[in-house]
Amino acid sequence: VDGSHRCNDTFTDCVLSWQLLSSGGIMAIDDYLYKTQNTADVLDIPYHGINEFLEKYKGRYCIIEMGYRVFIQKTN
């Protein structure tokens, strides 16, 4: 997932991509840590949108890696 860097757009992109992802599939989410420092408006960064997605879908994936990019695998 690599689209808009706006918080709400990132959340929406993740949800829509999740619906297309098969069980066992791996989702790569880019720019998780994009401009997390020195940004006045939290709505201008993907960090919070990705965190909201991860919280909403908690228990339905396993984390492979969390760094600048997030890699998760969809579970049953």
C-alpha atoms as a PDB file:
ATOM      1  CA  VAL A   1       0.000   0.000   0.000  1.00  0.00           C
ATOM      2  CA  ASP A   2       1.666   3.198  -1.134  1.00  0.00           C
ATOM      3  CA  GLY A   3      -0.707   6.023  -1.885  1.00  0.00           C
ATOM      4  CA  SER A   4      -1.538   9.320  -0.289  1.00  0.00           C
ATOM      5  CA  HIS A   5       0.336  10.294   2.856  1.00  0.00           C
ATOM      6  CA  ARG A   6      -2.788  11.750   4.469  1.00  0.00           C
ATOM      7  CA  CYS A   7      -3.864   9.923   7.622  1.00  0.00           C
ATOM      8  CA  ASN A   8      -7.457   9.250   6.554  1.00  0.00           C
ATOM      9  CA  ASP A   9      -6.475   8.240   3.017  1.00  0.00           C
ATOM     10  CA  THR A  10      -3.922   5.776   4.370  1.00  0.00           C
ATOM     11  CA  PHE A  11      -6.500   4.166   6.643  1.00  0.00           C
ATOM     12  CA  THR A  12      -8.950   3.823   3.738  1.00  0.00           C
ATOM     13  CA  ASP A  13      -6.263   2.418   1.422  1.00  0.00           C
ATOM     14  CA  CYS A  14      -5.357  -0.212   4.025  1.00  0.00           C
ATOM     15  CA  VAL A  15      -8.968  -1.271   4.607  1.00  0.00           C
ATOM     16  CA  LEU A  16      -9.713  -1.582   0.879  1.00  0.00           C
ATOM     17  CA  SER A  17      -6.457  -3.450   0.241  1.00  0.00           C
ATOM     18  CA  TRP A  18      -7.197  -5.788   3.148  1.00  0.00           C
ATOM     19  CA  GLN A  19     -10.473  -6.782   1.524  1.00  0.00           C
ATOM     20  CA  LEU A  20      -8.578  -7.836  -1.613  1.00  0.00           C
ATOM     21  CA  LEU A  21      -5.896  -9.762   0.288  1.00  0.00           C
ATOM     22  CA  SER A  22      -6.270 -13.546   0.433  1.00  0.00           C
ATOM     23  CA  SER A  23      -5.801 -15.473   3.658  1.00  0.00           C
ATOM     24  CA  GLY A  24      -2.069 -16.079   4.057  1.00  0.00           C
ATOM     25  CA  GLY A  25      -1.287 -13.090   1.840  1.00  0.00           C
ATOM     26  CA  ILE A  26       1.241 -10.480   2.861  1.00  0.00           C
ATOM     27  CA  MET A  27       0.476  -6.773   2.918  1.00  0.00           C
ATOM     28  CA  ALA A  28       3.306  -4.261   2.695  1.00  0.00           C
ATOM     29  CA  ILE A  29       2.420  -0.778   3.919  1.00  0.00           C
ATOM     30  CA  ASP A  30       4.902   1.905   2.929  1.00  0.00           C
ATOM     31  CA  ASP A  31       5.843   5.145   4.698  1.00  0.00           C
ATOM     32  CA  TYR A  32       4.748   4.173   8.226  1.00  0.00           C
ATOM     33  CA  LEU A  33       7.352   6.497   9.743  1.00  0.00           C
ATOM     34  CA  TYR A  34       7.095   9.187   7.051  1.00  0.00           C
ATOM     35  CA  LYS A  35       7.623  12.593   8.685  1.00  0.00           C
ATOM     36  CA  THR A  36       6.626  11.425  12.156  1.00  0.00           C
ATOM     37  CA  GLN A  37       8.799  14.150  13.638  1.00  0.00           C
ATOM     38  CA  ASN A  38       8.464  17.884  13.047  1.00  0.00           C
ATOM     39  CA  THR A  39       4.985  17.605  11.521  1.00  0.00           C
ATOM     40  CA  ALA A  40       2.454  19.995  12.999  1.00  0.00           C
ATOM     41  CA  ASP A  41      -0.680  18.344  11.596  1.00  0.00           C
ATOM     42  CA  VAL A  42      -1.094  14.652  12.440  1.00  0.00           C
ATOM     43  CA  LEU A  43      -3.560  14.360   9.549  1.00  0.00           C
ATOM     44  CA  ASP A  44      -0.679  14.986   7.132  1.00  0.00           C
ATOM     45  CA  ILE A  45       1.160  11.764   7.970  1.00  0.00           C
ATOM     46  CA  PRO A  46       0.228   8.096   7.419  1.00  0.00           C
ATOM     47  CA  TYR A  47       1.391   6.926  10.874  1.00  0.00           C
ATOM     48  CA  HIS A  48      -1.915   7.374  12.707  1.00  0.00           C
ATOM     49  CA  GLY A  49      -4.024   5.995   9.865  1.00  0.00           C
ATOM     50  CA  ILE A  50      -1.893   2.852   9.750  1.00  0.00           C
ATOM     51  CA  ASN A  51      -2.071   2.472  13.535  1.00  0.00           C
ATOM     52  CA  GLU A  52      -5.853   2.793  13.424  1.00  0.00           C
ATOM     53  CA  PHE A  53      -6.022   0.106  10.737  1.00  0.00           C
ATOM     54  CA  LEU A  54      -3.751  -2.208  12.737  1.00  0.00           C
ATOM     55  CA  GLU A  55      -5.883  -1.714  15.847  1.00  0.00           C
ATOM     56  CA  LYS A  56      -9.159  -2.303  14.006  1.00  0.00           C
ATOM     57  CA  TYR A  57      -7.906  -5.537  12.426  1.00  0.00           C
ATOM     58  CA  LYS A  58      -5.931  -6.751  15.458  1.00  0.00           C
ATOM     59  CA  GLY A  59      -6.039 -10.537  15.762  1.00  0.00           C
ATOM     60  CA  ARG A  60      -6.551 -11.031  12.024  1.00  0.00           C
ATOM     61  CA  TYR A  61      -2.884 -10.726  11.046  1.00  0.00           C
ATOM     62  CA  CYS A  62       0.590 -11.413  12.313  1.00  0.00           C
ATOM     63  CA  ILE A  63       3.298  -8.792  12.106  1.00  0.00           C
ATOM     64  CA  ILE A  64       6.296  -9.756  10.016  1.00  0.00           C
ATOM     65  CA  GLU A  65       8.143  -6.453  10.351  1.00  0.00           C
ATOM     66  CA  MET A  66       7.471  -2.934  11.619  1.00  0.00           C
ATOM     67  CA  GLY A  67       9.903  -0.253  10.599  1.00  0.00           C
ATOM     68  CA  TYR A  68       9.672   2.424   7.953  1.00  0.00           C
ATOM     69  CA  ARG A  69       7.471  -0.143   6.194  1.00  0.00           C
ATOM     70  CA  VAL A  70       5.010  -2.493   7.862  1.00  0.00           C
ATOM     71  CA  PHE A  71       4.643  -6.072   6.658  1.00  0.00           C
ATOM     72  CA  ILE A  72       1.723  -8.148   7.951  1.00  0.00           C
ATOM     73  CA  GLN A  73       0.369 -11.547   6.995  1.00  0.00           C
ATOM     74  CA  LYS A  74      -3.376 -12.140   6.919  1.00  0.00           C
ATOM     75  CA  THR A  75      -4.433 -15.058   9.080  1.00  0.00           C
ATOM     76  CA  ASN A  76      -7.654 -17.092   8.951  1.00  0.00           C
END
